[in-house]
C-alpha atoms as a PDB file:
ATOM      1  CA  MET A   1     -10.834 -24.050 238.185  1.00  0.00           C
ATOM      2  CA  ASN A   2     -11.600 -27.847 238.270  1.00  0.00           C
ATOM      3  CA  PRO A   3     -13.057 -29.430 235.361  1.00  0.00           C
ATOM      4  CA  ARG A   4     -17.046 -29.643 235.397  1.00  0.00           C
ATOM      5  CA  PHE A   5     -17.451 -32.643 233.591  1.00  0.00           C
ATOM      6  CA  GLU A   6     -15.192 -35.832 233.170  1.00  0.00           C
ATOM      7  CA  GLY A   7     -12.609 -35.403 230.361  1.00  0.00           C
ATOM      8  CA  GLN A   8     -13.121 -31.478 230.396  1.00  0.00           C
ATOM      9  CA  VAL A   9     -10.173 -29.298 230.793  1.00  0.00           C
ATOM     10  CA  ALA A  10      -9.951 -25.826 232.238  1.00  0.00           C
ATOM     11  CA  SER A  11      -8.552 -24.265 229.047  1.00  0.00           C
ATOM     12  CA  LEU A  12      -8.474 -25.743 225.648  1.00  0.00           C
ATOM     13  CA  ARG A  13      -5.733 -24.418 223.415  1.00  0.00           C
ATOM     14  CA  LEU A  14      -6.996 -24.753 219.739  1.00  0.00           C
ATOM     15  CA  ASN A  15      -4.792 -26.548 217.494  1.00  0.00           C
ATOM     16  CA  ALA A  16      -4.624 -26.322 213.528  1.00  0.00           C
ATOM     17  CA  GLU A  17      -7.185 -29.464 213.103  1.00  0.00           C
ATOM     18  CA  GLN A  18      -9.477 -27.947 215.227  1.00  0.00           C
ATOM     19  CA  ILE A  19      -9.411 -24.490 213.744  1.00  0.00           C
ATOM     20  CA  HIS A  20      -9.884 -26.311 210.323  1.00  0.00           C
ATOM     21  CA  THR A  21     -12.986 -27.994 211.546  1.00  0.00           C
ATOM     22  CA  LEU A  22     -14.369 -24.726 212.533  1.00  0.00           C
ATOM     23  CA  ILE A  23     -13.853 -23.127 209.273  1.00  0.00           C
ATOM     24  CA  SER A  24     -17.289 -24.872 208.409  1.00  0.00           C
ATOM     25  CA  SER A  25     -20.145 -22.519 208.995  1.00  0.00           C
ATOM     26  CA  PRO A  26     -22.381 -25.303 210.192  1.00  0.00           C
ATOM     27  CA  CYS A  27     -19.620 -26.727 212.263  1.00  0.00           C
ATOM     28  CA  SER A  28     -18.962 -23.286 213.823  1.00  0.00           C
ATOM     29  CA  GLU A  29     -22.648 -22.643 214.354  1.00  0.00           C
ATOM     30  CA  VAL A  30     -23.050 -26.006 216.245  1.00  0.00           C
ATOM     31  CA  PHE A  31     -19.929 -25.327 218.374  1.00  0.00           C
ATOM     32  CA  ASP A  32     -21.020 -21.982 219.258  1.00  0.00           C
ATOM     33  CA  ALA A  33     -24.651 -23.214 220.254  1.00  0.00           C
ATOM     34  CA  LEU A  34     -22.881 -25.352 222.764  1.00  0.00           C
ATOM     35  CA  SER A  35     -21.043 -24.208 225.827  1.00  0.00           C
ATOM     36  CA  ALA A  36     -18.875 -25.378 228.819  1.00  0.00           C
ATOM     37  CA  ILE A  37     -21.462 -25.386 231.362  1.00  0.00           C
ATOM     38  CA  GLU A  38     -24.853 -26.504 229.791  1.00  0.00           C
ATOM     39  CA  PRO A  39     -25.035 -30.000 228.391  1.00  0.00           C
ATOM     40  CA  ARG A  40     -27.274 -29.784 225.224  1.00  0.00           C
ATOM     41  CA  SER A  41     -28.540 -32.515 222.904  1.00  0.00           C
ATOM     42  CA  ALA A  42     -28.579 -32.510 219.195  1.00  0.00           C
ATOM     43  CA  ARG A  43     -32.287 -31.892 219.214  1.00  0.00           C
ATOM     44  CA  GLU A  44     -31.916 -28.654 221.329  1.00  0.00           C
ATOM     45  CA  VAL A  45     -28.985 -27.343 219.223  1.00  0.00           C
ATOM     46  CA  ALA A  46     -31.090 -28.007 215.937  1.00  0.00           C
ATOM     47  CA  SER A  47     -34.105 -26.012 217.438  1.00  0.00           C
ATOM     48  CA  ASP A  48     -31.680 -23.167 218.530  1.00  0.00           C
ATOM     49  CA  ILE A  49     -30.176 -22.640 215.112  1.00  0.00           C
ATOM     50  CA  ASP A  50     -33.000 -23.835 212.831  1.00  0.00           C
ATOM     51  CA  ARG A  51     -31.412 -26.938 211.357  1.00  0.00           C
ATOM     52  CA  SER A  52     -32.417 -30.507 211.228  1.00  0.00           C
ATOM     53  CA  PRO A  53     -31.368 -32.907 214.200  1.00  0.00           C
ATOM     54  CA  ALA A  54     -29.589 -35.043 211.393  1.00  0.00           C
ATOM     55  CA  SER A  55     -27.575 -32.347 210.145  1.00  0.00           C
ATOM     56  CA  VAL A  56     -26.615 -31.027 213.710  1.00  0.00           C
ATOM     57  CA  GLY A  57     -25.701 -34.929 214.452  1.00  0.00           C
ATOM     58  CA  GLU A  58     -23.326 -34.772 211.476  1.00  0.00           C
ATOM     59  CA  GLN A  59     -21.455 -31.783 212.779  1.00  0.00           C
ATOM     60  CA  LEU A  60     -21.462 -33.089 216.333  1.00  0.00           C
ATOM     61  CA  ALA A  61     -19.524 -35.979 214.928  1.00  0.00           C
ATOM     62  CA  LYS A  62     -16.983 -33.803 213.489  1.00  0.00           C
ATOM     63  CA  LEU A  63     -16.529 -31.867 216.653  1.00  0.00           C
ATOM     64  CA  LEU A  64     -16.279 -35.020 218.675  1.00  0.00           C
ATOM     65  CA  ASP A  65     -13.562 -36.451 216.249  1.00  0.00           C
ATOM     66  CA  VAL A  66     -11.218 -33.356 216.815  1.00  0.00           C
ATOM     67  CA  LYS A  67     -12.047 -33.191 220.546  1.00  0.00           C
ATOM     68  CA  LEU A  68     -13.490 -29.793 220.732  1.00  0.00           C
ATOM     69  CA  ILE A  69     -16.666 -31.166 222.444  1.00  0.00           C
ATOM     70  CA  ILE A  70     -17.220 -34.059 224.822  1.00  0.00           C
ATOM     71  CA  PRO A  71     -20.019 -36.212 225.673  1.00  0.00           C
ATOM     72  CA  ALA A  72     -21.750 -34.994 228.891  1.00  0.00           C
ATOM     73  CA  GLY A  73     -24.110 -37.887 229.828  1.00  0.00           C
ATOM     74  CA  THR A  74     -27.617 -38.684 228.700  1.00  0.00           C
ATOM     75  CA  ARG A  75     -31.199 -37.348 229.447  1.00  0.00           C
ATOM     76  CA  LYS A  76     -34.488 -39.326 229.020  1.00  0.00           C
ATOM     77  CA  ARG A  77     -37.008 -37.699 226.860  1.00  0.00           C
ATOM     78  CA  ARG A  78     -40.285 -39.432 226.621  1.00  0.00           C
ATOM     79  CA  SER A  79     -39.303 -42.871 225.210  1.00  0.00           C
ATOM     80  CA  ARG A  80     -35.656 -41.902 223.966  1.00  0.00           C
ATOM     81  CA  THR A  81     -32.496 -41.363 225.437  1.00  0.00           C
ATOM     82  CA  GLU A  82     -30.704 -38.203 224.230  1.00  0.00           C
ATOM     83  CA  ALA A  83     -26.895 -37.845 224.146  1.00  0.00           C
ATOM     84  CA  LEU A  84     -25.528 -34.509 225.623  1.00  0.00           C
ATOM     85  CA  TYR A  85     -22.527 -32.371 224.797  1.00  0.00           C
ATOM     86  CA  VAL A  86     -20.409 -29.602 226.085  1.00  0.00           C
ATOM     87  CA  HIS A  87     -17.323 -28.001 225.105  1.00  0.00           C
ATOM     88  CA  ALA A  88     -14.033 -29.734 225.832  1.00  0.00           C
ATOM     89  CA  GLY A  89     -12.595 -26.714 227.471  1.00  0.00           C
ATOM     90  CA  MET A  90     -13.967 -24.457 230.291  1.00  0.00           C
ATOM     91  CA  ALA A  91     -12.424 -21.848 228.147  1.00  0.00           C
ATOM     92  CA  THR A  92     -11.271 -22.212 224.424  1.00  0.00           C
ATOM     93  CA  GLN A  93      -8.137 -20.317 223.586  1.00  0.00           C
ATOM     94  CA  LEU A  94      -6.331 -19.317 220.359  1.00  0.00           C
ATOM     95  CA  PHE A  95      -2.659 -18.344 220.158  1.00  0.00           C
ATOM     96  CA  LEU A  96      -1.691 -17.108 216.703  1.00  0.00           C
ATOM     97  CA  ASN A  97       2.065 -17.500 217.812  1.00  0.00           C
ATOM     98  CA  ASP A  98       1.038 -21.366 217.647  1.00  0.00           C
ATOM     99  CA  LEU A  99      -0.030 -21.260 213.934  1.00  0.00           C
ATOM    100  CA  THR A 100       1.621 -21.591 210.832  1.00  0.00           C
ATOM    101  CA  SER A 101       0.789 -19.112 207.816  1.00  0.00           C
ATOM    102  CA  ASP A 102      -1.757 -21.934 206.555  1.00  0.00           C
ATOM    103  CA  GLY A 103      -3.145 -21.980 210.051  1.00  0.00           C
ATOM    104  CA  ILE A 104      -3.533 -18.383 210.256  1.00  0.00           C
ATOM    105  CA  GLU A 105      -5.616 -18.352 206.948  1.00  0.00           C
ATOM    106  CA  GLN A 106      -7.755 -20.912 208.458  1.00  0.00           C
ATOM    107  CA  TYR A 107      -8.344 -18.816 211.509  1.00  0.00           C
ATOM    108  CA  LYS A 108      -9.380 -15.946 209.209  1.00  0.00           C
ATOM    109  CA  LEU A 109     -11.977 -18.146 207.675  1.00  0.00           C
ATOM    110  CA  ARG A 110     -13.358 -18.957 210.999  1.00  0.00           C
ATOM    111  CA  PHE A 111     -13.633 -15.479 212.065  1.00  0.00           C
ATOM    112  CA  LYS A 112     -15.569 -14.609 208.948  1.00  0.00           C
ATOM    113  CA  SER A 113     -17.934 -17.640 209.697  1.00  0.00           C
ATOM    114  CA  GLN A 114     -18.516 -16.036 213.244  1.00  0.00           C
ATOM    115  CA  MET A 115     -19.296 -12.704 211.925  1.00  0.00           C
ATOM    116  CA  ARG A 116     -21.749 -14.061 209.439  1.00  0.00           C
ATOM    117  CA  GLN A 117     -23.391 -15.782 212.369  1.00  0.00           C
ATOM    118  CA  ALA A 118     -23.294 -12.631 214.331  1.00  0.00           C
ATOM    119  CA  GLU A 119     -25.002 -10.736 211.630  1.00  0.00           C
ATOM    120  CA  ARG A 120     -27.895 -13.308 211.414  1.00  0.00           C
ATOM    121  CA  GLN A 121     -28.139 -12.756 215.291  1.00  0.00           C
ATOM    122  CA  HIS A 122     -28.438  -9.233 215.037  1.00  0.00           C
ATOM    123  CA  ASP A 123     -31.232  -9.398 212.363  1.00  0.00           C
ATOM    124  CA  ALA A 124     -33.128 -11.779 214.593  1.00  0.00           C
ATOM    125  CA  VAL A 125     -32.681  -9.414 217.666  1.00  0.00           C
ATOM    126  CA  TYR A 126     -34.032  -6.334 215.836  1.00  0.00           C
ATOM    127  CA  GLY A 127     -37.017  -8.370 214.865  1.00  0.00           C
ATOM    128  CA  ALA A 128     -37.743  -9.442 218.454  1.00  0.00           C
ATOM    129  CA  VAL A 129     -37.139  -5.821 219.743  1.00  0.00           C
ATOM    130  CA  ALA A 130     -39.903  -4.606 217.415  1.00  0.00           C
ATOM    131  CA  ASN A 131     -42.423  -6.929 219.205  1.00  0.00           C
ATOM    132  CA  ASP A 132     -40.773  -6.446 222.771  1.00  0.00           C
ATOM    133  CA  PRO A 133     -38.663  -3.148 223.291  1.00  0.00           C
ATOM    134  CA  SER A 134     -37.566  -4.423 226.702  1.00  0.00           C
ATOM    135  CA  TYR A 135     -35.643  -7.330 224.829  1.00  0.00           C
ATOM    136  CA  THR A 136     -32.862  -4.652 224.384  1.00  0.00           C
ATOM    137  CA  ASP A 137     -32.025  -5.216 228.242  1.00  0.00           C
ATOM    138  CA  PHE A 138     -30.224  -8.615 226.813  1.00  0.00           C
ATOM    139  CA  LEU A 139     -28.135  -6.638 224.131  1.00  0.00           C
ATOM    140  CA  ILE A 140     -24.733  -5.002 224.863  1.00  0.00           C
ATOM    141  CA  TYR A 141     -22.802  -3.074 222.279  1.00  0.00           C
ATOM    142  CA  LYS A 142     -19.578  -1.036 223.293  1.00  0.00           C
ATOM    143  CA  TYR A 143     -17.362   0.190 220.830  1.00  0.00           C
ATOM    144  CA  HIS A 144     -14.152   2.104 221.740  1.00  0.00           C
ATOM    145  CA  THR A 145     -10.885   3.213 220.208  1.00  0.00           C
ATOM    146  CA  LEU A 146      -7.890   3.623 222.472  1.00  0.00           C
ATOM    147  CA  PHE A 147      -4.317   3.838 222.689  1.00  0.00           C
ATOM    148  CA  VAL A 148      -2.464   1.297 225.080  1.00  0.00           C
ATOM    149  CA  ASP A 149       0.999   0.303 225.330  1.00  0.00           C
ATOM    150  CA  ARG A 150       2.029  -3.650 225.784  1.00  0.00           C
ATOM    151  CA  GLU A 151       1.555  -3.490 229.544  1.00  0.00           C
ATOM    152  CA  ARG A 152      -1.911  -1.916 229.317  1.00  0.00           C
ATOM    153  CA  ALA A 153      -2.877  -4.319 226.854  1.00  0.00           C
ATOM    154  CA  LEU A 154      -2.010  -7.240 229.200  1.00  0.00           C
ATOM    155  CA  ARG A 155      -3.843  -5.480 232.012  1.00  0.00           C
ATOM    156  CA  LEU A 156      -7.010  -5.509 229.481  1.00  0.00           C
ATOM    157  CA  LYS A 157      -6.421  -9.086 228.998  1.00  0.00           C
ATOM    158  CA  LEU A 158      -6.362  -9.859 232.708  1.00  0.00           C
ATOM    159  CA  ALA A 159      -9.626  -7.903 233.167  1.00  0.00           C
ATOM    160  CA  VAL A 160     -11.469  -9.878 230.689  1.00  0.00           C
ATOM    161  CA  ALA A 161     -10.259 -13.107 232.336  1.00  0.00           C
ATOM    162  CA  GLU A 162     -11.740 -11.838 235.650  1.00  0.00           C
ATOM    163  CA  LEU A 163     -14.906 -10.614 233.460  1.00  0.00           C
ATOM    164  CA  GLN A 164     -15.038 -14.322 232.199  1.00  0.00           C
ATOM    165  CA  SER A 165     -15.288 -15.745 236.096  1.00  0.00           C
ATOM    166  CA  LEU A 166     -18.436 -13.186 236.560  1.00  0.00           C
ATOM    167  CA  ILE A 167     -19.864 -14.338 233.280  1.00  0.00           C
ATOM    168  CA  LEU A 168     -19.581 -18.092 234.479  1.00  0.00           C
ATOM    169  CA  GLU A 169     -21.015 -17.222 237.836  1.00  0.00           C
ATOM    170  CA  LEU A 170     -24.051 -15.324 236.428  1.00  0.00           C
ATOM    171  CA  SER A 171     -25.031 -18.011 234.173  1.00  0.00           C
ATOM    172  CA  GLU A 172     -27.920 -20.283 235.308  1.00  0.00           C
ATOM    173  CA  THR A 173     -27.007 -23.843 234.877  1.00  0.00           C
ATOM    174  CA  ASN A 174     -30.007 -25.279 236.550  1.00  0.00           C
ATOM    175  CA  ALA A 175     -32.398 -26.203 233.530  1.00  0.00           C
ATOM    176  CA  ASP A 176     -35.407 -26.427 235.711  1.00  0.00           C
ATOM    177  CA  ALA A 177     -34.887 -22.900 237.105  1.00  0.00           C
ATOM    178  CA  ARG A 178     -34.758 -21.606 233.546  1.00  0.00           C
ATOM    179  CA  GLU A 179     -38.173 -23.179 232.743  1.00  0.00           C
ATOM    180  CA  ASP A 180     -39.923 -20.182 233.983  1.00  0.00           C
ATOM    181  CA  GLY A 181     -39.396 -18.372 230.737  1.00  0.00           C
ATOM    182  CA  GLU A 182     -37.444 -15.334 232.274  1.00  0.00           C
ATOM    183  CA  PHE A 183     -33.993 -16.576 230.948  1.00  0.00           C
ATOM    184  CA  VAL A 184     -32.570 -15.737 227.549  1.00  0.00           C
ATOM    185  CA  ARG A 185     -29.647 -17.528 225.962  1.00  0.00           C
ATOM    186  CA  VAL A 186     -27.072 -15.051 225.017  1.00  0.00           C
ATOM    187  CA  GLN A 187     -23.344 -15.008 223.567  1.00  0.00           C
ATOM    188  CA  PHE A 188     -20.920 -12.728 225.023  1.00  0.00           C
ATOM    189  CA  THR A 189     -18.105 -11.746 223.056  1.00  0.00           C
ATOM    190  CA  VAL A 190     -14.902  -9.706 223.831  1.00  0.00           C
ATOM    191  CA  MET A 191     -12.779  -8.580 221.218  1.00  0.00           C
ATOM    192  CA  SER A 192      -9.588  -6.195 221.316  1.00  0.00           C
ATOM    193  CA  LEU A 193      -8.088  -5.770 217.638  1.00  0.00           C
ATOM    194  CA  PRO A 194      -5.261  -3.550 216.599  1.00  0.00           C
ATOM    195  CA  THR A 195      -6.578  -1.140 213.834  1.00  0.00           C
ATOM    196  CA  GLN A 196      -5.497  -1.953 210.087  1.00  0.00           C
ATOM    197  CA  GLN A 197      -3.049   0.847 209.943  1.00  0.00           C
ATOM    198  CA  GLU A 198      -1.370  -0.210 212.999  1.00  0.00           C
ATOM    199  CA  SER A 199      -0.925  -3.589 211.785  1.00  0.00           C
ATOM    200  CA  LYS A 200       0.234  -2.449 208.328  1.00  0.00           C
ATOM    201  CA  ARG A 201       2.944  -0.394 209.991  1.00  0.00           C
ATOM    202  CA  ARG A 202       4.433  -3.752 211.418  1.00  0.00           C
ATOM    203  CA  THR A 203       4.338  -5.840 208.215  1.00  0.00           C
END
């Protein structure tokens, strides 16, 4: 896949410094409000996560410093020109084998931050559904416990990679087309995680 923006790579492999930056809940929240395909300004992100533009600007500077995001041009807004940002990688990947024991501890803190954010998002969704039951069309929650060997686990990873291509294809990147109000900004997460008992057997 060719980079969409200048300086953007197809896949960004997170390093320890980048994970450490994402431990911060404000930084993590700002990073997750951005994407690889939709340039957004500090003002837009601030509105999305209910923070001040100044606070978001501070987090953007930190994310830029460790190359988690990149500039993606500017946009004229009334009499001002806004800087726009996207993820530095079309895909952002983490490989635990790359990390030291300290890096793994930092990764766990990043994961906890994401779970706190997901909890806030769930609370907001339930409030919206009370006013508009059809809003559940945008909500997917599937939970399975299954038994797989290494070969089947790798097949699942491949299937998720193919699904990621579909996700990028389905996302509307034209801001003008999204103005009709029919489009909803969603975050899509897929997670396969060995159970606690399985992991304990291997430690």
